Amino acid sequence: EPGEEREISLEVKLIADVGLVGYPNAGKSTLLSRSSAATPKIA
């Protein structure tokens, strides 16, 4: 029997308990680095 063949699309959604939202330059990355061990790029 021929094997199945199909085209699929993949989409990654990060899994987190809490999300930081806000306008650009509101200080989200700084808050993340202050409250956790993450080291995002900040400027």
PDB file of all heavy atoms in Angstrom:
ATOM      1  N   GLU A   1       0.847  -1.199   0.000  1.00  0.00           N
ATOM      2  CA  GLU A   1       0.000   0.000   0.000  1.00  0.00           C
ATOM      3  C   GLU A   1       0.882   1.248   0.000  1.00  0.00           C
ATOM      4  O   GLU A   1       1.843   1.331   0.764  1.00  0.00           O
ATOM      5  CB  GLU A   1      -0.898   0.006   1.236  1.00  0.00           C
ATOM      6  CG  GLU A   1      -1.826   1.204   1.303  1.00  0.00           C
ATOM      7  CD  GLU A   1      -2.562   1.290   2.619  1.00  0.00           C
ATOM      8  OE1 GLU A   1      -2.120   0.644   3.596  1.00  0.00           O
ATOM      9  OE2 GLU A   1      -3.584   1.996   2.680  1.00  0.00           O
ATOM     10  N   PRO A   2       0.565   2.240  -0.827  1.00  0.00           N
ATOM     11  CA  PRO A   2       1.340   3.492  -0.791  1.00  0.00           C
ATOM     12  C   PRO A   2       1.197   4.185   0.561  1.00  0.00           C
ATOM     13  O   PRO A   2       0.136   4.155   1.183  1.00  0.00           O
ATOM     14  CB  PRO A   2       0.711   4.331  -1.912  1.00  0.00           C
ATOM     15  CG  PRO A   2       0.007   3.351  -2.789  1.00  0.00           C
ATOM     16  CD  PRO A   2      -0.457   2.246  -1.887  1.00  0.00           C
ATOM     17  N   GLY A   3       2.274   4.791   1.035  1.00  0.00           N
ATOM     18  CA  GLY A   3       2.209   5.549   2.279  1.00  0.00           C
ATOM     19  C   GLY A   3       1.474   6.864   2.082  1.00  0.00           C
ATOM     20  O   GLY A   3       1.403   7.398   0.978  1.00  0.00           O
ATOM     21  N   GLU A   4       0.905   7.360   3.155  1.00  0.00           N
ATOM     22  CA  GLU A   4       0.183   8.635   3.085  1.00  0.00           C
ATOM     23  C   GLU A   4       1.147   9.775   2.762  1.00  0.00           C
ATOM     24  O   GLU A   4       2.312   9.767   3.172  1.00  0.00           O
ATOM     25  CB  GLU A   4      -0.518   8.927   4.415  1.00  0.00           C
ATOM     26  CG  GLU A   4      -1.698   8.019   4.700  1.00  0.00           C
ATOM     27  CD  GLU A   4      -2.397   8.373   5.989  1.00  0.00           C
ATOM     28  OE1 GLU A   4      -1.765   9.019   6.854  1.00  0.00           O
ATOM     29  OE2 GLU A   4      -3.562   8.002   6.150  1.00  0.00           O
ATOM     30  N   GLU A   5       0.621  10.762   2.073  1.00  0.00           N
ATOM     31  CA  GLU A   5       1.405  11.950   1.741  1.00  0.00           C
ATOM     32  C   GLU A   5       0.510  13.160   1.919  1.00  0.00           C
ATOM     33  O   GLU A   5      -0.634  13.174   1.479  1.00  0.00           O
ATOM     34  CB  GLU A   5       1.916  11.872   0.306  1.00  0.00           C
ATOM     35  CG  GLU A   5       2.856  13.013  -0.076  1.00  0.00           C
ATOM     36  CD  GLU A   5       3.537  12.789  -1.413  1.00  0.00           C
ATOM     37  OE1 GLU A   5       3.177  11.818  -2.114  1.00  0.00           O
ATOM     38  OE2 GLU A   5       4.438  13.581  -1.752  1.00  0.00           O
ATOM     39  N   ARG A   6       1.025  14.161   2.586  1.00  0.00           N
ATOM     40  CA  ARG A   6       0.215  15.369   2.804  1.00  0.00           C
ATOM     41  C   ARG A   6       1.135  16.558   3.044  1.00  0.00           C
ATOM     42  O   ARG A   6       2.327  16.414   3.333  1.00  0.00           O
ATOM     43  CB  ARG A   6      -0.733  15.178   3.986  1.00  0.00           C
ATOM     44  CG  ARG A   6      -0.039  15.174   5.321  1.00  0.00           C
ATOM     45  CD  ARG A   6      -0.859  14.651   6.485  1.00  0.00           C
ATOM     46  NE  ARG A   6      -2.262  14.949   6.451  1.00  0.00           N
ATOM     47  CZ  ARG A   6      -3.144  14.395   7.289  1.00  0.00           C
ATOM     48  NH1 ARG A   6      -2.726  13.522   8.193  1.00  0.00           N
ATOM     49  NH2 ARG A   6      -4.403  14.695   7.245  1.00  0.00           N
ATOM     50  N   GLU A   7       0.540  17.724   2.954  1.00  0.00           N
ATOM     51  CA  GLU A   7       1.260  18.963   3.246  1.00  0.00           C
ATOM     52  C   GLU A   7       0.704  19.516   4.549  1.00  0.00           C
ATOM     53  O   GLU A   7      -0.516  19.632   4.717  1.00  0.00           O
ATOM     54  CB  GLU A   7       1.063  19.966   2.103  1.00  0.00           C
ATOM     55  CG  GLU A   7       2.028  21.117   2.110  1.00  0.00           C
ATOM     56  CD  GLU A   7       1.989  21.917   0.815  1.00  0.00           C
ATOM     57  OE1 GLU A   7       1.053  21.702   0.012  1.00  0.00           O
ATOM     58  OE2 GLU A   7       2.882  22.749   0.612  1.00  0.00           O
ATOM     59  N   ILE A   8       1.574  19.838   5.467  1.00  0.00           N
ATOM     60  CA  ILE A   8       1.131  20.328   6.757  1.00  0.00           C
ATOM     61  C   ILE A   8       1.793  21.658   7.070  1.00  0.00           C
ATOM     62  O   ILE A   8       2.872  21.981   6.562  1.00  0.00           O
ATOM     63  CB  ILE A   8       1.419  19.322   7.892  1.00  0.00           C
ATOM     64  CG1 ILE A   8       2.927  19.061   8.023  1.00  0.00           C
ATOM     65  CG2 ILE A   8       0.674  18.023   7.680  1.00  0.00           C
ATOM     66  CD1 ILE A   8       3.289  18.187   9.209  1.00  0.00           C
ATOM     67  N   SER A   9       1.129  22.436   7.895  1.00  0.00           N
ATOM     68  CA  SER A   9       1.695  23.698   8.369  1.00  0.00           C
ATOM     69  C   SER A   9       1.912  23.591   9.873  1.00  0.00           C
ATOM     70  O   SER A   9       1.102  23.007  10.592  1.00  0.00           O
ATOM     71  CB  SER A   9       0.768  24.871   8.042  1.00  0.00           C
ATOM     72  OG  SER A   9      -0.499  24.705   8.631  1.00  0.00           O
ATOM     73  N   LEU A  10       3.025  24.139  10.330  1.00  0.00           N
ATOM     74  CA  LEU A  10       3.392  24.112  11.745  1.00  0.00           C
ATOM     75  C   LEU A  10       3.449  25.540  12.270  1.00  0.00           C
ATOM     76  O   LEU A  10       3.927  26.442  11.585  1.00  0.00           O
ATOM     77  CB  LEU A  10       4.746  23.432  11.929  1.00  0.00           C
ATOM     78  CG  LEU A  10       4.894  22.016  11.343  1.00  0.00           C
ATOM     79  CD1 LEU A  10       6.325  21.528  11.500  1.00  0.00           C
ATOM     80  CD2 LEU A  10       3.927  21.062  12.004  1.00  0.00           C
ATOM     81  N   GLU A  11       2.971  25.702  13.482  1.00  0.00           N
ATOM     82  CA  GLU A  11       2.951  27.032  14.086  1.00  0.00           C
ATOM     83  C   GLU A  11       3.289  26.890  15.567  1.00  0.00           C
ATOM     84  O   GLU A  11       2.635  26.134  16.282  1.00  0.00           O
ATOM     85  CB  GLU A  11       1.553  27.635  13.907  1.00  0.00           C
ATOM     86  CG  GLU A  11       1.362  29.015  14.471  1.00  0.00           C
ATOM     87  CD  GLU A  11      -0.058  29.511  14.236  1.00  0.00           C
ATOM     88  OE1 GLU A  11      -0.467  29.658  13.075  1.00  0.00           O
ATOM     89  OE2 GLU A  11      -0.773  29.731  15.233  1.00  0.00           O
ATOM     90  N   VAL A  12       4.316  27.586  16.001  1.00  0.00           N
ATOM     91  CA  VAL A  12       4.761  27.477  17.391  1.00  0.00           C
ATOM     92  C   VAL A  12       4.135  28.604  18.208  1.00  0.00           C
ATOM     93  O   VAL A  12       4.202  29.777  17.842  1.00  0.00           O
ATOM     94  CB  VAL A  12       6.300  27.566  17.498  1.00  0.00           C
ATOM     95  CG1 VAL A  12       6.728  27.506  18.962  1.00  0.00           C
ATOM     96  CG2 VAL A  12       6.939  26.434  16.721  1.00  0.00           C
ATOM     97  N   LYS A  13       3.510  28.219  19.306  1.00  0.00           N
ATOM     98  CA  LYS A  13       3.024  29.197  20.284  1.00  0.00           C
ATOM     99  C   LYS A  13       3.701  28.869  21.605  1.00  0.00           C
ATOM    100  O   LYS A  13       3.515  27.794  22.150  1.00  0.00           O
ATOM    101  CB  LYS A  13       1.502  29.111  20.445  1.00  0.00           C
ATOM    102  CG  LYS A  13       0.718  29.506  19.207  1.00  0.00           C
ATOM    103  CD  LYS A  13      -0.766  29.431  19.474  1.00  0.00           C
ATOM    104  CE  LYS A  13      -1.578  29.816  18.238  1.00  0.00           C
ATOM    105  NZ  LYS A  13      -3.026  29.736  18.484  1.00  0.00           N
ATOM    106  N   LEU A  14       4.503  29.796  22.083  1.00  0.00           N
ATOM    107  CA  LEU A  14       5.224  29.554  23.328  1.00  0.00           C
ATOM    108  C   LEU A  14       4.244  29.315  24.467  1.00  0.00           C
ATOM    109  O   LEU A  14       3.187  29.929  24.535  1.00  0.00           O
ATOM    110  CB  LEU A  14       6.120  30.752  23.673  1.00  0.00           C
ATOM    111  CG  LEU A  14       7.286  31.011  22.721  1.00  0.00           C
ATOM    112  CD1 LEU A  14       8.103  32.176  23.215  1.00  0.00           C
ATOM    113  CD2 LEU A  14       8.178  29.783  22.604  1.00  0.00           C
ATOM    114  N   ILE A  15       4.612  28.396  25.339  1.00  0.00           N
ATOM    115  CA  ILE A  15       3.758  28.065  26.477  1.00  0.00           C
ATOM    116  C   ILE A  15       4.294  28.775  27.715  1.00  0.00           C
ATOM    117  O   ILE A  15       5.424  28.551  28.133  1.00  0.00           O
ATOM    118  CB  ILE A  15       3.717  26.546  26.698  1.00  0.00           C
ATOM    119  CG1 ILE A  15       3.106  25.869  25.468  1.00  0.00           C
ATOM    120  CG2 ILE A  15       2.923  26.198  27.938  1.00  0.00           C
ATOM    121  CD1 ILE A  15       3.082  24.365  25.555  1.00  0.00           C
ATOM    122  N   ALA A  16       3.479  29.632  28.287  1.00  0.00           N
ATOM    123  CA  ALA A  16       3.870  30.363  29.490  1.00  0.00           C
ATOM    124  C   ALA A  16       2.644  30.554  30.368  1.00  0.00           C
ATOM    125  O   ALA A  16       1.512  30.554  29.892  1.00  0.00           O
ATOM    126  CB  ALA A  16       4.487  31.714  29.134  1.00  0.00           C
ATOM    127  N   ASP A  17       2.881  30.724  31.663  1.00  0.00           N
ATOM    128  CA  ASP A  17       1.769  30.970  32.581  1.00  0.00           C
ATOM    129  C   ASP A  17       1.292  32.409  32.469  1.00  0.00           C
ATOM    130  O   ASP A  17       0.094  32.679  32.461  1.00  0.00           O
ATOM    131  CB  ASP A  17       2.218  30.681  34.019  1.00  0.00           C
ATOM    132  CG  ASP A  17       2.603  29.231  34.224  1.00  0.00           C
ATOM    133  OD1 ASP A  17       1.810  28.354  33.844  1.00  0.00           O
ATOM    134  OD2 ASP A  17       3.703  28.966  34.738  1.00  0.00           O
ATOM    135  N   VAL A  18       2.245  33.318  32.391  1.00  0.00           N
ATOM    136  CA  VAL A  18       1.929  34.752  32.385  1.00  0.00           C
ATOM    137  C   VAL A  18       2.630  35.412  31.205  1.00  0.00           C
ATOM    138  O   VAL A  18       3.802  35.123  30.937  1.00  0.00           O
ATOM    139  CB  VAL A  18       2.378  35.431  33.706  1.00  0.00           C
ATOM    140  CG1 VAL A  18       1.998  36.912  33.705  1.00  0.00           C
ATOM    141  CG2 VAL A  18       1.758  34.712  34.899  1.00  0.00           C
ATOM    142  N   GLY A  19       1.910  36.266  30.504  1.00  0.00           N
ATOM    143  CA  GLY A  19       2.507  36.996  29.387  1.00  0.00           C
ATOM    144  C   GLY A  19       2.629  38.479  29.689  1.00  0.00           C
ATOM    145  O   GLY A  19       1.714  39.088  30.249  1.00  0.00           O
ATOM    146  N   LEU A  20       3.777  39.049  29.340  1.00  0.00           N
ATOM    147  CA  LEU A  20       3.985  40.496  29.481  1.00  0.00           C
ATOM    148  C   LEU A  20       3.568  41.166  28.174  1.00  0.00           C
ATOM    149  O   LEU A  20       4.109  40.846  27.118  1.00  0.00           O
ATOM    150  CB  LEU A  20       5.450  40.806  29.767  1.00  0.00           C
ATOM    151  CG  LEU A  20       6.027  40.339  31.105  1.00  0.00           C
ATOM    152  CD1 LEU A  20       7.530  40.583  31.131  1.00  0.00           C
ATOM    153  CD2 LEU A  20       5.352  41.063  32.260  1.00  0.00           C
ATOM    154  N   VAL A  21       2.610  42.068  28.235  1.00  0.00           N
ATOM    155  CA  VAL A  21       2.191  42.787  27.034  1.00  0.00           C
ATOM    156  C   VAL A  21       2.334  44.289  27.278  1.00  0.00           C
ATOM    157  O   VAL A  21       2.315  44.758  28.413  1.00  0.00           O
ATOM    158  CB  VAL A  21       0.740  42.452  26.638  1.00  0.00           C
ATOM    159  CG1 VAL A  21       0.603  40.984  26.265  1.00  0.00           C
ATOM    160  CG2 VAL A  21      -0.247  42.808  27.747  1.00  0.00           C
ATOM    161  N   GLY A  22       2.462  45.013  26.203  1.00  0.00           N
ATOM    162  CA  GLY A  22       2.616  46.456  26.291  1.00  0.00           C
ATOM    163  C   GLY A  22       3.161  47.012  24.994  1.00  0.00           C
ATOM    164  O   GLY A  22       3.573  46.253  24.113  1.00  0.00           O
ATOM    165  N   TYR A  23       3.171  48.321  24.894  1.00  0.00           N
ATOM    166  CA  TYR A  23       3.705  48.948  23.681  1.00  0.00           C
ATOM    167  C   TYR A  23       5.229  48.847  23.672  1.00  0.00           C
ATOM    168  O   TYR A  23       5.853  48.600  24.710  1.00  0.00           O
ATOM    169  CB  TYR A  23       3.255  50.415  23.622  1.00  0.00           C
ATOM    170  CG  TYR A  23       2.007  50.608  22.791  1.00  0.00           C
ATOM    171  CD1 TYR A  23       0.763  50.211  23.280  1.00  0.00           C
ATOM    172  CD2 TYR A  23       2.061  51.150  21.510  1.00  0.00           C
ATOM    173  CE1 TYR A  23      -0.384  50.352  22.527  1.00  0.00           C
ATOM    174  CE2 TYR A  23       0.927  51.298  20.738  1.00  0.00           C
ATOM    175  CZ  TYR A  23      -0.289  50.892  21.238  1.00  0.00           C
ATOM    176  OH  TYR A  23      -1.419  51.033  20.477  1.00  0.00           O
ATOM    177  N   PRO A  24       5.831  49.015  22.501  1.00  0.00           N
ATOM    178  CA  PRO A  24       7.299  48.977  22.438  1.00  0.00           C
ATOM    179  C   PRO A  24       7.927  49.971  23.418  1.00  0.00           C
ATOM    180  O   PRO A  24       7.408  51.068  23.630  1.00  0.00           O
ATOM    181  CB  PRO A  24       7.598  49.367  20.986  1.00  0.00           C
ATOM    182  CG  PRO A  24       6.365  49.000  20.225  1.00  0.00           C
ATOM    183  CD  PRO A  24       5.228  49.231  21.175  1.00  0.00           C
ATOM    184  N   ASN A  25       9.013  49.556  24.022  1.00  0.00           N
ATOM    185  CA  ASN A  25       9.791  50.392  24.934  1.00  0.00           C
ATOM    186  C   ASN A  25       9.094  50.635  26.273  1.00  0.00           C
ATOM    187  O   ASN A  25       9.448  51.568  26.999  1.00  0.00           O
ATOM    188  CB  ASN A  25      10.117  51.748  24.294  1.00  0.00           C
ATOM    189  CG  ASN A  25      11.542  52.178  24.597  1.00  0.00           C
ATOM    190  OD1 ASN A  25      12.360  51.379  25.003  1.00  0.00           O
ATOM    191  ND2 ASN A  25      11.824  53.462  24.407  1.00  0.00           N
ATOM    192  N   ALA A  26       8.084  49.770  26.599  1.00  0.00           N
ATOM    193  CA  ALA A  26       7.396  49.943  27.884  1.00  0.00           C
ATOM    194  C   ALA A  26       8.219  49.379  29.035  1.00  0.00           C
ATOM    195  O   ALA A  26       7.933  49.678  30.198  1.00  0.00           O
ATOM    196  CB  ALA A  26       6.024  49.276  27.847  1.00  0.00           C
ATOM    197  N   GLY A  27       9.247  48.567  28.723  1.00  0.00           N
ATOM    198  CA  GLY A  27      10.102  48.019  29.767  1.00  0.00           C
ATOM    199  C   GLY A  27       9.834  46.564  30.082  1.00  0.00           C
ATOM    200  O   GLY A  27      10.211  46.072  31.150  1.00  0.00           O
ATOM    201  N   LYS A  28       9.196  45.838  29.166  1.00  0.00           N
ATOM    202  CA  LYS A  28       8.865  44.424  29.409  1.00  0.00           C
ATOM    203  C   LYS A  28      10.122  43.564  29.543  1.00  0.00           C
ATOM    204  O   LYS A  28      10.222  42.722  30.443  1.00  0.00           O
ATOM    205  CB  LYS A  28       7.981  43.894  28.264  1.00  0.00           C
ATOM    206  CG  LYS A  28       6.663  44.635  28.104  1.00  0.00           C
ATOM    207  CD  LYS A  28       5.796  44.035  27.024  1.00  0.00           C
ATOM    208  CE  LYS A  28       6.448  44.108  25.643  1.00  0.00           C
ATOM    209  NZ  LYS A  28       6.736  45.481  25.237  1.00  0.00           N
ATOM    210  N   SER A  29      11.088  43.764  28.647  1.00  0.00           N
ATOM    211  CA  SER A  29      12.304  42.951  28.698  1.00  0.00           C
ATOM    212  C   SER A  29      13.091  43.215  29.977  1.00  0.00           C
ATOM    213  O   SER A  29      13.656  42.298  30.584  1.00  0.00           O
ATOM    214  CB  SER A  29      13.180  43.233  27.469  1.00  0.00           C
ATOM    215  OG  SER A  29      12.530  42.846  26.279  1.00  0.00           O
ATOM    216  N   THR A  30      13.132  44.471  30.388  1.00  0.00           N
ATOM    217  CA  THR A  30      13.824  44.804  31.636  1.00  0.00           C
ATOM    218  C   THR A  30      13.136  44.144  32.815  1.00  0.00           C
ATOM    219  O   THR A  30      13.790  43.627  33.730  1.00  0.00           O
ATOM    220  CB  THR A  30      13.860  46.336  31.831  1.00  0.00           C
ATOM    221  OG1 THR A  30      14.436  46.957  30.682  1.00  0.00           O
ATOM    222  CG2 THR A  30      14.670  46.703  33.067  1.00  0.00           C
ATOM    223  N   LEU A  31      11.801  44.129  32.803  1.00  0.00           N
ATOM    224  CA  LEU A  31      11.043  43.493  33.873  1.00  0.00           C
ATOM    225  C   LEU A  31      11.298  41.990  33.892  1.00  0.00           C
ATOM    226  O   LEU A  31      11.437  41.387  34.958  1.00  0.00           O
ATOM    227  CB  LEU A  31       9.551  43.779  33.695  1.00  0.00           C
ATOM    228  CG  LEU A  31       8.606  43.172  34.735  1.00  0.00           C
ATOM    229  CD1 LEU A  31       8.980  43.615  36.142  1.00  0.00           C
ATOM    230  CD2 LEU A  31       7.154  43.549  34.420  1.00  0.00           C
ATOM    231  N   LEU A  32      11.384  41.373  32.709  1.00  0.00           N
ATOM    232  CA  LEU A  32      11.664  39.936  32.634  1.00  0.00           C
ATOM    233  C   LEU A  32      13.040  39.632  33.215  1.00  0.00           C
ATOM    234  O   LEU A  32      13.212  38.682  33.979  1.00  0.00           O
ATOM    235  CB  LEU A  32      11.578  39.450  31.185  1.00  0.00           C
ATOM    236  CG  LEU A  32      11.886  37.968  30.952  1.00  0.00           C
ATOM    237  CD1 LEU A  32      10.794  37.095  31.559  1.00  0.00           C
ATOM    238  CD2 LEU A  32      12.039  37.671  29.464  1.00  0.00           C
ATOM    239  N   SER A  33      14.028  40.441  32.855  1.00  0.00           N
ATOM    240  CA  SER A  33      15.387  40.197  33.352  1.00  0.00           C
ATOM    241  C   SER A  33      15.494  40.472  34.854  1.00  0.00           C
ATOM    242  O   SER A  33      16.286  39.835  35.552  1.00  0.00           O
ATOM    243  CB  SER A  33      16.388  41.071  32.591  1.00  0.00           C
ATOM    244  OG  SER A  33      16.168  42.452  32.855  1.00  0.00           O
ATOM    245  N   ARG A  34      14.702  41.412  35.358  1.00  0.00           N
ATOM    246  CA  ARG A  34      14.724  41.741  36.781  1.00  0.00           C
ATOM    247  C   ARG A  34      14.072  40.630  37.613  1.00  0.00           C
ATOM    248  O   ARG A  34      14.530  40.330  38.734  1.00  0.00           O
ATOM    249  CB  ARG A  34      14.000  43.068  37.012  1.00  0.00           C
ATOM    250  CG  ARG A  34      13.712  43.431  38.455  1.00  0.00           C
ATOM    251  CD  ARG A  34      14.950  43.638  39.287  1.00  0.00           C
ATOM    252  NE  ARG A  34      15.724  44.793  38.839  1.00  0.00           N
ATOM    253  CZ  ARG A  34      16.821  45.232  39.444  1.00  0.00           C
ATOM    254  NH1 ARG A  34      17.281  44.578  40.517  1.00  0.00           N
ATOM    255  NH2 ARG A  34      17.483  46.257  38.985  1.00  0.00           N
ATOM    256  N   SER A  35      13.032  40.000  37.086  1.00  0.00           N
ATOM    257  CA  SER A  35      12.247  39.046  37.868  1.00  0.00           C
ATOM    258  C   SER A  35      12.638  37.594  37.624  1.00  0.00           C
ATOM    259  O   SER A  35      12.137  36.700  38.302  1.00  0.00           O
ATOM    260  CB  SER A  35      10.755  39.219  37.570  1.00  0.00           C
ATOM    261  OG  SER A  35      10.507  39.092  36.182  1.00  0.00           O
ATOM    262  N   SER A  36      13.504  37.332  36.649  1.00  0.00           N
ATOM    263  CA  SER A  36      13.904  35.956  36.354  1.00  0.00           C
ATOM    264  C   SER A  36      15.380  35.940  35.967  1.00  0.00           C
ATOM    265  O   SER A  36      16.047  36.978  35.971  1.00  0.00           O
ATOM    266  CB  SER A  36      13.055  35.380  35.221  1.00  0.00           C
ATOM    267  OG  SER A  36      13.411  35.968  33.983  1.00  0.00           O
ATOM    268  N   ALA A  37      15.859  34.779  35.576  1.00  0.00           N
ATOM    269  CA  ALA A  37      17.254  34.643  35.152  1.00  0.00           C
ATOM    270  C   ALA A  37      17.409  34.830  33.647  1.00  0.00           C
ATOM    271  O   ALA A  37      18.501  34.627  33.115  1.00  0.00           O
ATOM    272  CB  ALA A  37      17.794  33.282  35.563  1.00  0.00           C
ATOM    273  N   ALA A  38      16.320  35.189  32.973  1.00  0.00           N
ATOM    274  CA  ALA A  38      16.397  35.397  31.526  1.00  0.00           C
ATOM    275  C   ALA A  38      17.258  36.609  31.221  1.00  0.00           C
ATOM    276  O   ALA A  38      17.301  37.583  31.990  1.00  0.00           O
ATOM    277  CB  ALA A  38      15.003  35.576  30.941  1.00  0.00           C
ATOM    278  N   THR A  39      17.927  36.568  30.067  1.00  0.00           N
ATOM    279  CA  THR A  39      18.803  37.676  29.676  1.00  0.00           C
ATOM    280  C   THR A  39      18.425  38.171  28.276  1.00  0.00           C
ATOM    281  O   THR A  39      19.172  37.968  27.313  1.00  0.00           O
ATOM    282  CB  THR A  39      20.273  37.255  29.700  1.00  0.00           C
ATOM    283  OG1 THR A  39      20.428  36.096  28.854  1.00  0.00           O
ATOM    284  CG2 THR A  39      20.714  36.915  31.108  1.00  0.00           C
ATOM    285  N   PRO A  40      17.267  38.796  28.133  1.00  0.00           N
ATOM    286  CA  PRO A  40      16.888  39.298  26.807  1.00  0.00           C
ATOM    287  C   PRO A  40      17.713  40.519  26.430  1.00  0.00           C
ATOM    288  O   PRO A  40      18.303  41.192  27.278  1.00  0.00           O
ATOM    289  CB  PRO A  40      15.415  39.677  26.998  1.00  0.00           C
ATOM    290  CG  PRO A  40      15.312  40.018  28.456  1.00  0.00           C
ATOM    291  CD  PRO A  40      16.259  39.094  29.155  1.00  0.00           C
ATOM    292  N   LYS A  41      17.755  40.807  25.120  1.00  0.00           N
ATOM    293  CA  LYS A  41      18.444  41.999  24.646  1.00  0.00           C
ATOM    294  C   LYS A  41      17.633  43.230  25.042  1.00  0.00           C
ATOM    295  O   LYS A  41      16.433  43.293  24.819  1.00  0.00           O
ATOM    296  CB  LYS A  41      18.614  41.942  23.128  1.00  0.00           C
ATOM    297  CG  LYS A  41      19.340  43.135  22.543  1.00  0.00           C
ATOM    298  CD  LYS A  41      19.458  43.011  21.028  1.00  0.00           C
ATOM    299  CE  LYS A  41      20.161  44.233  20.443  1.00  0.00           C
ATOM    300  NZ  LYS A  41      20.245  44.153  18.957  1.00  0.00           N
ATOM    301  N   ILE A  42      18.308  44.192  25.634  1.00  0.00           N
ATOM    302  CA  ILE A  42      17.620  45.393  26.120  1.00  0.00           C
ATOM    303  C   ILE A  42      18.326  46.633  25.581  1.00  0.00           C
ATOM    304  O   ILE A  42      19.553  46.738  25.627  1.00  0.00           O
ATOM    305  CB  ILE A  42      17.609  45.440  27.673  1.00  0.00           C
ATOM    306  CG1 ILE A  42      16.883  44.205  28.229  1.00  0.00           C
ATOM    307  CG2 ILE A  42      16.954  46.710  28.179  1.00  0.00           C
ATOM    308  CD1 ILE A  42      17.009  44.063  29.728  1.00  0.00           C
ATOM    309  N   ALA A  43      17.537  47.547  25.044  1.00  0.00           N
ATOM    310  CA  ALA A  43      18.077  48.824  24.573  1.00  0.00           C
ATOM    311  C   ALA A  43      16.957  49.854  24.631  1.00  0.00           C
ATOM    312  O   ALA A  43      15.786  49.527  24.767  1.00  0.00           O
ATOM    313  CB  ALA A  43      18.628  48.703  23.157  1.00  0.00           C
TER     314      ALA A  43
END
